[in-house]
């Protein structure tokens, strides 16, 4: 479909998407931060909400899933990396930062190295509970429910979009292809718009698929994921090359943007392939050196690009579903 374009030796970084924990960065935005707790599967599960200053009666909602983090710090980390609260303040939507169980999402991989997999945590069910809570409190627009995530969170978003295709209008995984194991169960009910962002030199979750660093499961290649979604949505098979600026000639990266249009229910699939890009969030903060995670693109802001994609792709029909996820 497209022409496909290092390992590193820091033994302490044993999981994809690890970032240094930092204090929760509350920006100068005037909106409200709300911490929420839900009881689910006999566990207390938490998430943070950023509610902008101006919010319409039936707002859109974006869920942002962190990568592997120290337990209890993932929501804070991904908020500080992406600045999605700023984008929400400017564009008047709710943004949600859920917290994974013991630092990792159960994302469809066979991965005995993380507690969420070993303990059979139903993270998709947790997301259902979050959305039900938001529906009661904020009466969110059922046609405008979106999800994005980084690394482990991006892999989880692929799984979530497939299992909850009736509920999510669009997803945007960053550095997170579909888990090879969960692909066996890839039978979404409804079409879903997808924007995938991935660097070709990612040293943790390889663009070409296969084993994640330190044998933490296996994933499809980025282009295999794109093919699966294009075929499911019934998009045109030939992509359109879209313009995207290269604003920073010194970041070691060159972004390329491709779009597959005319999917069912006006869905579309897009791939932002970052030539030379590493395991990083475009335009975000970088807490580990480029030696560890690779280059970070400064040509565009990932959160801005993702929101523009989401805004263009609401669901035509809000059907919804809270059916339980399959046992993997």
C-alpha atoms as a PDB file:
ATOM      1  CA  UNK A   1       0.000   0.000   0.000  1.00  0.00           C
ATOM      2  CA  UNK A   2       2.830   2.344   0.928  1.00  0.00           C
ATOM      3  CA  UNK A   3       6.586   1.956   0.681  1.00  0.00           C
ATOM      4  CA  UNK A   4       7.686   1.132   4.195  1.00  0.00           C
ATOM      5  CA  UNK A   5      10.673   3.053   5.199  1.00  0.00           C
ATOM      6  CA  UNK A   6      17.667   0.385  16.963  1.00  0.00           C
ATOM      7  CA  UNK A   7      17.613  -1.079  19.593  1.00  0.00           C
ATOM      8  CA  UNK A   8      18.923   0.680  22.704  1.00  0.00           C
ATOM      9  CA  UNK A   9      20.644  -0.627  25.783  1.00  0.00           C
ATOM     10  CA  UNK A  10      19.002   1.045  28.760  1.00  0.00           C
ATOM     11  CA  UNK A  11      18.015  -2.107  30.629  1.00  0.00           C
ATOM     12  CA  UNK A  12      16.026  -0.137  33.164  1.00  0.00           C
ATOM     13  CA  UNK A  13      13.531   0.908  30.478  1.00  0.00           C
ATOM     14  CA  UNK A  14      11.775  -2.416  30.235  1.00  0.00           C
ATOM     15  CA  UNK A  15       8.409  -1.246  28.924  1.00  0.00           C
ATOM     16  CA  UNK A  16       7.203   0.675  25.917  1.00  0.00           C
ATOM     17  CA  UNK A  17       6.297   4.261  26.480  1.00  0.00           C
ATOM     18  CA  UNK A  18       7.967   4.871  29.852  1.00  0.00           C
ATOM     19  CA  UNK A  19       8.249   8.550  30.682  1.00  0.00           C
ATOM     20  CA  UNK A  20       9.641  10.330  33.708  1.00  0.00           C
ATOM     21  CA  UNK A  21       6.905  11.143  36.188  1.00  0.00           C
ATOM     22  CA  UNK A  22       6.439  14.795  37.036  1.00  0.00           C
ATOM     23  CA  UNK A  23       4.064  16.932  39.015  1.00  0.00           C
ATOM     24  CA  UNK A  24       0.680  17.396  37.364  1.00  0.00           C
ATOM     25  CA  UNK A  25       1.112  20.440  35.124  1.00  0.00           C
ATOM     26  CA  UNK A  26      -1.890  22.673  35.611  1.00  0.00           C
ATOM     27  CA  UNK A  27      -1.578  25.267  32.912  1.00  0.00           C
ATOM     28  CA  UNK A  28      -2.752  28.855  32.844  1.00  0.00           C
ATOM     29  CA  UNK A  29      -6.074  27.716  31.372  1.00  0.00           C
ATOM     30  CA  UNK A  30      -9.072  28.997  33.293  1.00  0.00           C
ATOM     31  CA  UNK A  31     -11.052  25.755  33.081  1.00  0.00           C
ATOM     32  CA  UNK A  32     -11.639  23.269  35.879  1.00  0.00           C
ATOM     33  CA  UNK A  33      -9.684  20.107  36.730  1.00  0.00           C
ATOM     34  CA  UNK A  34     -11.813  17.389  38.337  1.00  0.00           C
ATOM     35  CA  UNK A  35     -10.520  14.124  39.823  1.00  0.00           C
ATOM     36  CA  UNK A  36     -12.973  11.216  39.653  1.00  0.00           C
ATOM     37  CA  UNK A  37     -13.057   7.761  41.272  1.00  0.00           C
ATOM     38  CA  UNK A  38     -15.111   4.794  40.073  1.00  0.00           C
ATOM     39  CA  UNK A  39     -15.580   1.412  41.688  1.00  0.00           C
ATOM     40  CA  UNK A  40     -15.099  -1.225  38.979  1.00  0.00           C
ATOM     41  CA  UNK A  41     -14.211  -4.916  39.249  1.00  0.00           C
ATOM     42  CA  UNK A  42     -13.854  -4.400  43.015  1.00  0.00           C
ATOM     43  CA  UNK A  43     -11.097  -1.876  42.412  1.00  0.00           C
ATOM     44  CA  UNK A  44     -10.979   1.879  42.714  1.00  0.00           C
ATOM     45  CA  UNK A  45     -10.256   3.285  39.256  1.00  0.00           C
ATOM     46  CA  UNK A  46      -9.514   6.958  38.689  1.00  0.00           C
ATOM     47  CA  UNK A  47      -9.516   9.509  35.908  1.00  0.00           C
ATOM     48  CA  UNK A  48      -9.038  13.262  35.556  1.00  0.00           C
ATOM     49  CA  UNK A  49     -11.347  15.586  33.645  1.00  0.00           C
ATOM     50  CA  UNK A  50     -10.473  18.955  32.168  1.00  0.00           C
ATOM     51  CA  UNK A  51     -13.646  21.017  31.731  1.00  0.00           C
ATOM     52  CA  UNK A  52     -12.970  24.173  29.698  1.00  0.00           C
ATOM     53  CA  UNK A  53     -14.306  27.588  30.620  1.00  0.00           C
ATOM     54  CA  UNK A  54     -16.892  27.486  27.845  1.00  0.00           C
ATOM     55  CA  UNK A  55     -18.675  24.198  27.239  1.00  0.00           C
ATOM     56  CA  UNK A  56     -21.703  23.658  24.968  1.00  0.00           C
ATOM     57  CA  UNK A  57     -24.791  21.825  26.298  1.00  0.00           C
ATOM     58  CA  UNK A  58     -23.855  18.505  24.629  1.00  0.00           C
ATOM     59  CA  UNK A  59     -20.064  18.569  24.358  1.00  0.00           C
ATOM     60  CA  UNK A  60     -17.662  16.378  22.439  1.00  0.00           C
ATOM     61  CA  UNK A  61     -15.319  14.284  24.587  1.00  0.00           C
ATOM     62  CA  UNK A  62     -11.755  13.098  23.955  1.00  0.00           C
ATOM     63  CA  UNK A  63     -10.225  10.322  26.076  1.00  0.00           C
ATOM     64  CA  UNK A  64      -6.402  10.438  26.234  1.00  0.00           C
ATOM     65  CA  UNK A  65      -4.632   7.224  27.318  1.00  0.00           C
ATOM     66  CA  UNK A  66      -1.111   7.330  28.683  1.00  0.00           C
ATOM     67  CA  UNK A  67       1.778   5.004  27.914  1.00  0.00           C
ATOM     68  CA  UNK A  68       3.516   2.822  30.506  1.00  0.00           C
ATOM     69  CA  UNK A  69       4.080   4.935  33.612  1.00  0.00           C
ATOM     70  CA  UNK A  70       4.709   4.651  37.318  1.00  0.00           C
ATOM     71  CA  UNK A  71       1.447   3.534  38.939  1.00  0.00           C
ATOM     72  CA  UNK A  72      -0.760   6.509  39.685  1.00  0.00           C
ATOM     73  CA  UNK A  73       1.209   8.955  37.524  1.00  0.00           C
ATOM     74  CA  UNK A  74       0.090   8.104  33.988  1.00  0.00           C
ATOM     75  CA  UNK A  75      -2.772  10.599  33.681  1.00  0.00           C
ATOM     76  CA  UNK A  76      -0.562  13.420  34.938  1.00  0.00           C
ATOM     77  CA  UNK A  77       2.266  12.445  32.598  1.00  0.00           C
ATOM     78  CA  UNK A  78       0.206  12.309  29.413  1.00  0.00           C
ATOM     79  CA  UNK A  79      -1.544  15.585  30.242  1.00  0.00           C
ATOM     80  CA  UNK A  80       1.848  17.261  30.612  1.00  0.00           C
ATOM     81  CA  UNK A  81       3.229  15.674  27.421  1.00  0.00           C
ATOM     82  CA  UNK A  82       0.300  16.458  25.131  1.00  0.00           C
ATOM     83  CA  UNK A  83      -1.238  19.678  26.551  1.00  0.00           C
ATOM     84  CA  UNK A  84      -4.639  18.405  25.459  1.00  0.00           C
ATOM     85  CA  UNK A  85      -6.184  20.646  28.118  1.00  0.00           C
ATOM     86  CA  UNK A  86      -5.029  23.665  26.112  1.00  0.00           C
ATOM     87  CA  UNK A  87      -6.637  22.292  22.958  1.00  0.00           C
ATOM     88  CA  UNK A  88      -9.847  21.569  24.897  1.00  0.00           C
ATOM     89  CA  UNK A  89      -9.905  25.112  26.282  1.00  0.00           C
ATOM     90  CA  UNK A  90      -9.535  26.593  22.813  1.00  0.00           C
ATOM     91  CA  UNK A  91     -12.090  24.298  21.167  1.00  0.00           C
ATOM     92  CA  UNK A  92     -14.657  23.782  23.956  1.00  0.00           C
ATOM     93  CA  UNK A  93     -14.710  20.022  24.502  1.00  0.00           C
ATOM     94  CA  UNK A  94     -14.196  17.758  27.520  1.00  0.00           C
ATOM     95  CA  UNK A  95     -10.889  15.929  27.759  1.00  0.00           C
ATOM     96  CA  UNK A  96     -10.461  12.866  29.975  1.00  0.00           C
ATOM     97  CA  UNK A  97      -7.169  11.396  31.253  1.00  0.00           C
ATOM     98  CA  UNK A  98      -7.862   7.872  32.626  1.00  0.00           C
ATOM     99  CA  UNK A  99      -5.390   6.106  34.911  1.00  0.00           C
ATOM    100  CA  UNK A 100      -4.314   2.546  34.102  1.00  0.00           C
ATOM    101  CA  UNK A 101      -4.178  -0.267  36.632  1.00  0.00           C
ATOM    102  CA  UNK A 102      -0.628  -0.529  38.011  1.00  0.00           C
ATOM    103  CA  UNK A 103       0.713   1.704  35.228  1.00  0.00           C
ATOM    104  CA  UNK A 104      -0.335  -0.315  32.146  1.00  0.00           C
ATOM    105  CA  UNK A 105      -3.432  -0.845  30.005  1.00  0.00           C
ATOM    106  CA  UNK A 106      -4.622  -4.328  29.127  1.00  0.00           C
ATOM    107  CA  UNK A 107      -4.263  -3.552  25.435  1.00  0.00           C
ATOM    108  CA  UNK A 108      -4.822  -6.875  23.670  1.00  0.00           C
ATOM    109  CA  UNK A 109      -1.236  -8.136  23.871  1.00  0.00           C
ATOM    110  CA  UNK A 110      -0.139 -11.386  25.469  1.00  0.00           C
ATOM    111  CA  UNK A 111       2.074  -9.710  28.043  1.00  0.00           C
ATOM    112  CA  UNK A 112       2.737 -11.451  31.366  1.00  0.00           C
ATOM    113  CA  UNK A 113       5.039  -8.579  32.300  1.00  0.00           C
ATOM    114  CA  UNK A 114       2.158  -6.275  33.275  1.00  0.00           C
ATOM    115  CA  UNK A 115      -0.351  -6.658  36.104  1.00  0.00           C
ATOM    116  CA  UNK A 116      -3.356  -5.543  34.047  1.00  0.00           C
ATOM    117  CA  UNK A 117      -2.927  -8.578  31.770  1.00  0.00           C
ATOM    118  CA  UNK A 118      -2.014 -11.033  34.537  1.00  0.00           C
ATOM    119  CA  UNK A 119      -4.969  -9.938  36.698  1.00  0.00           C
ATOM    120  CA  UNK A 120      -7.505  -9.937  33.854  1.00  0.00           C
ATOM    121  CA  UNK A 121      -8.334  -6.238  34.132  1.00  0.00           C
ATOM    122  CA  UNK A 122     -11.241  -5.230  31.873  1.00  0.00           C
ATOM    123  CA  UNK A 123     -10.075  -1.795  30.750  1.00  0.00           C
ATOM    124  CA  UNK A 124     -12.686  -1.618  28.008  1.00  0.00           C
ATOM    125  CA  UNK A 125     -15.354  -2.084  30.660  1.00  0.00           C
ATOM    126  CA  UNK A 126     -13.666   0.688  32.659  1.00  0.00           C
ATOM    127  CA  UNK A 127     -14.003   2.999  29.649  1.00  0.00           C
ATOM    128  CA  UNK A 128     -17.702   2.095  29.389  1.00  0.00           C
ATOM    129  CA  UNK A 129     -18.107   3.172  33.020  1.00  0.00           C
ATOM    130  CA  UNK A 130     -16.320   6.468  32.358  1.00  0.00           C
ATOM    131  CA  UNK A 131     -18.541   7.244  29.374  1.00  0.00           C
ATOM    132  CA  UNK A 132     -21.683   6.371  31.318  1.00  0.00           C
ATOM    133  CA  UNK A 133     -20.566   8.720  34.095  1.00  0.00           C
ATOM    134  CA  UNK A 134     -19.870  11.530  31.609  1.00  0.00           C
ATOM    135  CA  UNK A 135     -23.240  10.993  29.957  1.00  0.00           C
ATOM    136  CA  UNK A 136     -25.043  11.511  33.261  1.00  0.00           C
ATOM    137  CA  UNK A 137     -23.024  14.518  34.426  1.00  0.00           C
ATOM    138  CA  UNK A 138     -22.343  16.385  31.170  1.00  0.00           C
ATOM    139  CA  UNK A 139     -24.801  14.837  28.684  1.00  0.00           C
ATOM    140  CA  UNK A 140     -22.005  14.339  26.159  1.00  0.00           C
ATOM    141  CA  UNK A 141     -22.852  14.179  22.462  1.00  0.00           C
ATOM    142  CA  UNK A 142     -23.004  10.441  21.575  1.00  0.00           C
ATOM    143  CA  UNK A 143     -21.891  11.266  18.014  1.00  0.00           C
ATOM    144  CA  UNK A 144     -18.681  12.946  19.207  1.00  0.00           C
ATOM    145  CA  UNK A 145     -16.851  10.458  21.401  1.00  0.00           C
ATOM    146  CA  UNK A 146     -13.155  10.113  20.516  1.00  0.00           C
ATOM    147  CA  UNK A 147     -10.026   8.416  21.876  1.00  0.00           C
ATOM    148  CA  UNK A 148      -6.303   8.897  21.457  1.00  0.00           C
ATOM    149  CA  UNK A 149      -3.351   7.345  23.234  1.00  0.00           C
ATOM    150  CA  UNK A 150       0.422   7.052  23.233  1.00  0.00           C
ATOM    151  CA  UNK A 151       2.472   3.815  23.131  1.00  0.00           C
ATOM    152  CA  UNK A 152       0.710   1.294  25.431  1.00  0.00           C
ATOM    153  CA  UNK A 153      -2.210   3.745  25.356  1.00  0.00           C
ATOM    154  CA  UNK A 154      -2.121   3.821  21.553  1.00  0.00           C
ATOM    155  CA  UNK A 155      -2.186   0.029  21.316  1.00  0.00           C
ATOM    156  CA  UNK A 156      -5.107   0.050  23.730  1.00  0.00           C
ATOM    157  CA  UNK A 157      -6.941   2.640  21.607  1.00  0.00           C
ATOM    158  CA  UNK A 158      -6.682   0.317  18.580  1.00  0.00           C
ATOM    159  CA  UNK A 159      -8.286  -2.448  20.668  1.00  0.00           C
ATOM    160  CA  UNK A 160     -10.885  -0.078  22.128  1.00  0.00           C
ATOM    161  CA  UNK A 161     -11.890   1.293  18.729  1.00  0.00           C
ATOM    162  CA  UNK A 162     -12.423  -2.195  17.353  1.00  0.00           C
ATOM    163  CA  UNK A 163     -14.396  -3.460  20.370  1.00  0.00           C
ATOM    164  CA  UNK A 164     -16.440  -0.284  20.816  1.00  0.00           C
ATOM    165  CA  UNK A 165     -16.895   0.773  17.207  1.00  0.00           C
ATOM    166  CA  UNK A 166     -20.560   1.499  17.928  1.00  0.00           C
ATOM    167  CA  UNK A 167     -19.562   4.089  20.513  1.00  0.00           C
ATOM    168  CA  UNK A 168     -16.422   5.789  19.208  1.00  0.00           C
ATOM    169  CA  UNK A 169     -16.577   8.060  16.179  1.00  0.00           C
ATOM    170  CA  UNK A 170     -12.800   8.211  15.671  1.00  0.00           C
ATOM    171  CA  UNK A 171      -9.518   7.130  17.258  1.00  0.00           C
ATOM    172  CA  UNK A 172      -5.945   8.382  16.948  1.00  0.00           C
ATOM    173  CA  UNK A 173      -3.216   6.000  18.170  1.00  0.00           C
ATOM    174  CA  UNK A 174       0.271   7.523  18.481  1.00  0.00           C
ATOM    175  CA  UNK A 175       3.230   5.100  18.456  1.00  0.00           C
ATOM    176  CA  UNK A 176       0.718   2.297  18.943  1.00  0.00           C
ATOM    177  CA  UNK A 177      -0.138  -0.262  16.243  1.00  0.00           C
ATOM    178  CA  UNK A 178      -2.656  -3.043  16.833  1.00  0.00           C
ATOM    179  CA  UNK A 179      -1.589  -5.940  19.040  1.00  0.00           C
ATOM    180  CA  UNK A 180      -1.006  -9.068  16.997  1.00  0.00           C
ATOM    181  CA  UNK A 181      -3.072 -11.173  19.404  1.00  0.00           C
ATOM    182  CA  UNK A 182      -6.122  -8.883  19.433  1.00  0.00           C
ATOM    183  CA  UNK A 183      -6.072  -8.716  15.622  1.00  0.00           C
ATOM    184  CA  UNK A 184      -7.484 -12.259  15.672  1.00  0.00           C
ATOM    185  CA  UNK A 185     -10.664 -10.713  17.109  1.00  0.00           C
ATOM    186  CA  UNK A 186     -10.733  -7.688  14.789  1.00  0.00           C
ATOM    187  CA  UNK A 187     -14.380  -7.584  13.726  1.00  0.00           C
ATOM    188  CA  UNK A 188     -15.678  -4.078  14.488  1.00  0.00           C
ATOM    189  CA  UNK A 189     -19.420  -3.666  14.186  1.00  0.00           C
ATOM    190  CA  UNK A 190     -19.430  -0.108  12.812  1.00  0.00           C
ATOM    191  CA  UNK A 191     -17.035   2.012  10.743  1.00  0.00           C
ATOM    192  CA  UNK A 192     -14.578   4.153  12.710  1.00  0.00           C
ATOM    193  CA  UNK A 193     -12.384   6.986  11.430  1.00  0.00           C
ATOM    194  CA  UNK A 194      -8.705   6.471  12.296  1.00  0.00           C
ATOM    195  CA  UNK A 195      -5.665   8.751  12.337  1.00  0.00           C
ATOM    196  CA  UNK A 196      -2.460   6.856  13.034  1.00  0.00           C
ATOM    197  CA  UNK A 197       0.771   8.717  13.882  1.00  0.00           C
ATOM    198  CA  UNK A 198       4.062   6.817  14.018  1.00  0.00           C
ATOM    199  CA  UNK A 199       7.761   7.442  13.483  1.00  0.00           C
ATOM    200  CA  UNK A 200       9.679   5.189  11.116  1.00  0.00           C
ATOM    201  CA  UNK A 201      12.667   5.020  13.520  1.00  0.00           C
ATOM    202  CA  UNK A 202      10.700   4.136  16.645  1.00  0.00           C
ATOM    203  CA  UNK A 203      13.110   2.042  18.793  1.00  0.00           C
ATOM    204  CA  UNK A 204      10.410   0.737  21.142  1.00  0.00           C
ATOM    205  CA  UNK A 205       7.332  -0.135  19.065  1.00  0.00           C
ATOM    206  CA  UNK A 206       8.665  -0.745  15.536  1.00  0.00           C
ATOM    207  CA  UNK A 207       6.917   0.854  12.572  1.00  0.00           C
ATOM    208  CA  UNK A 208       7.365  -2.398  10.642  1.00  0.00           C
ATOM    209  CA  UNK A 209       5.733  -4.457  13.391  1.00  0.00           C
ATOM    210  CA  UNK A 210       6.954  -7.508  15.254  1.00  0.00           C
ATOM    211  CA  UNK A 211       8.392  -7.653  18.748  1.00  0.00           C
ATOM    212  CA  UNK A 212       8.152  -4.659  21.058  1.00  0.00           C
ATOM    213  CA  UNK A 213      11.382  -3.814  22.900  1.00  0.00           C
ATOM    214  CA  UNK A 214      12.294  -6.223  25.713  1.00  0.00           C
ATOM    215  CA  UNK A 215       9.845  -8.878  24.478  1.00  0.00           C
ATOM    216  CA  UNK A 216       6.724  -7.065  25.660  1.00  0.00           C
ATOM    217  CA  UNK A 217       4.429  -8.639  23.078  1.00  0.00           C
ATOM    218  CA  UNK A 218       4.037  -8.283  19.324  1.00  0.00           C
ATOM    219  CA  UNK A 219       2.213  -5.825  17.092  1.00  0.00           C
ATOM    220  CA  UNK A 220       1.169  -5.530  13.474  1.00  0.00           C
ATOM    221  CA  UNK A 221       3.067  -3.123  11.270  1.00  0.00           C
ATOM    222  CA  UNK A 222       1.595   0.358  11.007  1.00  0.00           C
ATOM    223  CA  UNK A 223       0.676  -0.226   7.381  1.00  0.00           C
ATOM    224  CA  UNK A 224      -1.012  -3.550   8.184  1.00  0.00           C
ATOM    225  CA  UNK A 225      -3.153  -1.664  10.708  1.00  0.00           C
ATOM    226  CA  UNK A 226      -4.031   0.954   8.121  1.00  0.00           C
ATOM    227  CA  UNK A 227      -4.986  -1.765   5.618  1.00  0.00           C
ATOM    228  CA  UNK A 228      -7.245  -3.463   8.193  1.00  0.00           C
ATOM    229  CA  UNK A 229      -9.117  -0.246   8.952  1.00  0.00           C
ATOM    230  CA  UNK A 230      -9.325   0.829   5.291  1.00  0.00           C
ATOM    231  CA  UNK A 231     -10.857  -2.517   4.367  1.00  0.00           C
ATOM    232  CA  UNK A 232     -13.242  -2.481   7.317  1.00  0.00           C
ATOM    233  CA  UNK A 233     -14.469   1.057   6.622  1.00  0.00           C
ATOM    234  CA  UNK A 234     -14.708   0.438   2.889  1.00  0.00           C
ATOM    235  CA  UNK A 235     -12.509   3.399   1.991  1.00  0.00           C
ATOM    236  CA  UNK A 236     -10.987   4.016  -1.422  1.00  0.00           C
ATOM    237  CA  UNK A 237      -7.893   1.829  -1.726  1.00  0.00           C
ATOM    238  CA  UNK A 238      -5.647   4.508  -3.239  1.00  0.00           C
ATOM    239  CA  UNK A 239      -4.490   7.108  -0.692  1.00  0.00           C
ATOM    240  CA  UNK A 240      -4.303  10.842  -1.289  1.00  0.00           C
ATOM    241  CA  UNK A 241      -1.084  12.620  -0.322  1.00  0.00           C
ATOM    242  CA  UNK A 242      -2.052  15.488   1.970  1.00  0.00           C
ATOM    243  CA  UNK A 243      -0.012  18.632   2.619  1.00  0.00           C
ATOM    244  CA  UNK A 244       1.763  18.911   5.946  1.00  0.00           C
ATOM    245  CA  UNK A 245       4.405  21.515   6.681  1.00  0.00           C
ATOM    246  CA  UNK A 246       7.971  20.768   7.701  1.00  0.00           C
ATOM    247  CA  UNK A 247       8.463  23.702  10.047  1.00  0.00           C
ATOM    248  CA  UNK A 248      11.649  22.576  11.782  1.00  0.00           C
ATOM    249  CA  UNK A 249      14.484  21.528   9.504  1.00  0.00           C
ATOM    250  CA  UNK A 250      16.683  20.603  12.474  1.00  0.00           C
ATOM    251  CA  UNK A 251      14.500  18.050  14.278  1.00  0.00           C
ATOM    252  CA  UNK A 252      15.681  15.058  12.230  1.00  0.00           C
ATOM    253  CA  UNK A 253      12.113  14.323  11.098  1.00  0.00           C
ATOM    254  CA  UNK A 254       9.996  14.766   7.991  1.00  0.00           C
ATOM    255  CA  UNK A 255       6.234  14.240   8.316  1.00  0.00           C
ATOM    256  CA  UNK A 256       4.142  12.697   5.541  1.00  0.00           C
ATOM    257  CA  UNK A 257       0.343  12.595   5.601  1.00  0.00           C
ATOM    258  CA  UNK A 258      -1.824  10.160   3.616  1.00  0.00           C
ATOM    259  CA  UNK A 259      -5.625   9.887   3.552  1.00  0.00           C
ATOM    260  CA  UNK A 260      -8.009   7.148   2.465  1.00  0.00           C
ATOM    261  CA  UNK A 261     -11.410   8.714   1.847  1.00  0.00           C
ATOM    262  CA  UNK A 262     -15.049   7.818   1.184  1.00  0.00           C
ATOM    263  CA  UNK A 263     -15.477   5.184   3.864  1.00  0.00           C
ATOM    264  CA  UNK A 264     -18.862   4.008   5.049  1.00  0.00           C
ATOM    265  CA  UNK A 265     -20.813   6.645   6.981  1.00  0.00           C
ATOM    266  CA  UNK A 266     -18.316   9.275   5.773  1.00  0.00           C
ATOM    267  CA  UNK A 267     -15.403   7.747   7.680  1.00  0.00           C
ATOM    268  CA  UNK A 268     -11.780   8.215   6.641  1.00  0.00           C
ATOM    269  CA  UNK A 269      -8.401   6.728   7.514  1.00  0.00           C
ATOM    270  CA  UNK A 270      -5.268   8.866   7.744  1.00  0.00           C
ATOM    271  CA  UNK A 271      -1.626   7.998   8.353  1.00  0.00           C
ATOM    272  CA  UNK A 272       0.893  10.545   9.555  1.00  0.00           C
ATOM    273  CA  UNK A 273       4.203   8.811   8.912  1.00  0.00           C
ATOM    274  CA  UNK A 274       7.141  10.653  10.456  1.00  0.00           C
ATOM    275  CA  UNK A 275      10.309   9.809   8.572  1.00  0.00           C
ATOM    276  CA  UNK A 276      13.107   9.629  11.140  1.00  0.00           C
ATOM    277  CA  UNK A 277      10.683  10.020  14.046  1.00  0.00           C
ATOM    278  CA  UNK A 278      11.120   8.082  17.281  1.00  0.00           C
ATOM    279  CA  UNK A 279       8.876   6.837  20.076  1.00  0.00           C
ATOM    280  CA  UNK A 280       7.648  10.351  20.787  1.00  0.00           C
ATOM    281  CA  UNK A 281       4.567  12.588  20.786  1.00  0.00           C
ATOM    282  CA  UNK A 282       4.888  15.187  17.980  1.00  0.00           C
ATOM    283  CA  UNK A 283       5.302  18.682  19.348  1.00  0.00           C
ATOM    284  CA  UNK A 284       5.053  17.459  22.931  1.00  0.00           C
ATOM    285  CA  UNK A 285       7.406  17.534  25.880  1.00  0.00           C
ATOM    286  CA  UNK A 286      10.283  15.067  25.872  1.00  0.00           C
ATOM    287  CA  UNK A 287      11.409  13.793  29.251  1.00  0.00           C
ATOM    288  CA  UNK A 288      13.959  11.247  28.062  1.00  0.00           C
ATOM    289  CA  UNK A 289      16.828  11.898  25.666  1.00  0.00           C
ATOM    290  CA  UNK A 290      16.655  11.259  21.938  1.00  0.00           C
ATOM    291  CA  UNK A 291      19.257   8.512  22.551  1.00  0.00           C
ATOM    292  CA  UNK A 292      16.542   6.556  24.350  1.00  0.00           C
ATOM    293  CA  UNK A 293      13.338   7.363  22.469  1.00  0.00           C
ATOM    294  CA  UNK A 294      14.544   8.838  19.176  1.00  0.00           C
ATOM    295  CA  UNK A 295      13.710  12.094  17.462  1.00  0.00           C
ATOM    296  CA  UNK A 296      10.647  14.156  18.282  1.00  0.00           C
ATOM    297  CA  UNK A 297       8.935  15.982  15.433  1.00  0.00           C
ATOM    298  CA  UNK A 298       8.656  19.750  15.928  1.00  0.00           C
ATOM    299  CA  UNK A 299       6.915  20.233  12.602  1.00  0.00           C
ATOM    300  CA  UNK A 300       3.406  20.055  14.082  1.00  0.00           C
ATOM    301  CA  UNK A 301       1.573  19.631  17.346  1.00  0.00           C
ATOM    302  CA  UNK A 302       0.086  16.163  17.747  1.00  0.00           C
ATOM    303  CA  UNK A 303      -2.874  17.236  19.887  1.00  0.00           C
ATOM    304  CA  UNK A 304      -3.871  19.969  17.419  1.00  0.00           C
ATOM    305  CA  UNK A 305      -3.674  17.602  14.436  1.00  0.00           C
ATOM    306  CA  UNK A 306      -5.684  14.947  16.272  1.00  0.00           C
ATOM    307  CA  UNK A 307      -8.442  17.336  17.343  1.00  0.00           C
ATOM    308  CA  UNK A 308      -8.834  18.710  13.804  1.00  0.00           C
ATOM    309  CA  UNK A 309      -9.222  15.126  12.559  1.00  0.00           C
ATOM    310  CA  UNK A 310     -11.766  14.301  15.265  1.00  0.00           C
ATOM    311  CA  UNK A 311     -13.735  17.478  14.614  1.00  0.00           C
ATOM    312  CA  UNK A 312     -14.109  16.524  10.944  1.00  0.00           C
ATOM    313  CA  UNK A 313     -15.337  13.004  11.733  1.00  0.00           C
ATOM    314  CA  UNK A 314     -18.320  12.778  14.063  1.00  0.00           C
ATOM    315  CA  UNK A 315     -20.481   9.666  13.939  1.00  0.00           C
ATOM    316  CA  UNK A 316     -23.444   9.876  11.603  1.00  0.00           C
ATOM    317  CA  UNK A 317     -25.494   7.568  13.809  1.00  0.00           C
ATOM    318  CA  UNK A 318     -25.139   7.197  17.575  1.00  0.00           C
ATOM    319  CA  UNK A 319     -25.997   3.590  18.385  1.00  0.00           C
ATOM    320  CA  UNK A 320     -23.793   2.914  21.411  1.00  0.00           C
ATOM    321  CA  UNK A 321     -22.839  -0.355  23.053  1.00  0.00           C
ATOM    322  CA  UNK A 322     -21.726  -1.572  26.449  1.00  0.00           C
ATOM    323  CA  UNK A 323     -21.302  -5.246  25.563  1.00  0.00           C
ATOM    324  CA  UNK A 324     -18.445  -6.879  27.435  1.00  0.00           C
ATOM    325  CA  UNK A 325     -15.104  -7.311  25.700  1.00  0.00           C
ATOM    326  CA  UNK A 326     -13.926 -10.769  24.685  1.00  0.00           C
ATOM    327  CA  UNK A 327     -11.540 -12.599  26.985  1.00  0.00           C
ATOM    328  CA  UNK A 328      -8.019 -12.468  25.552  1.00  0.00           C
END
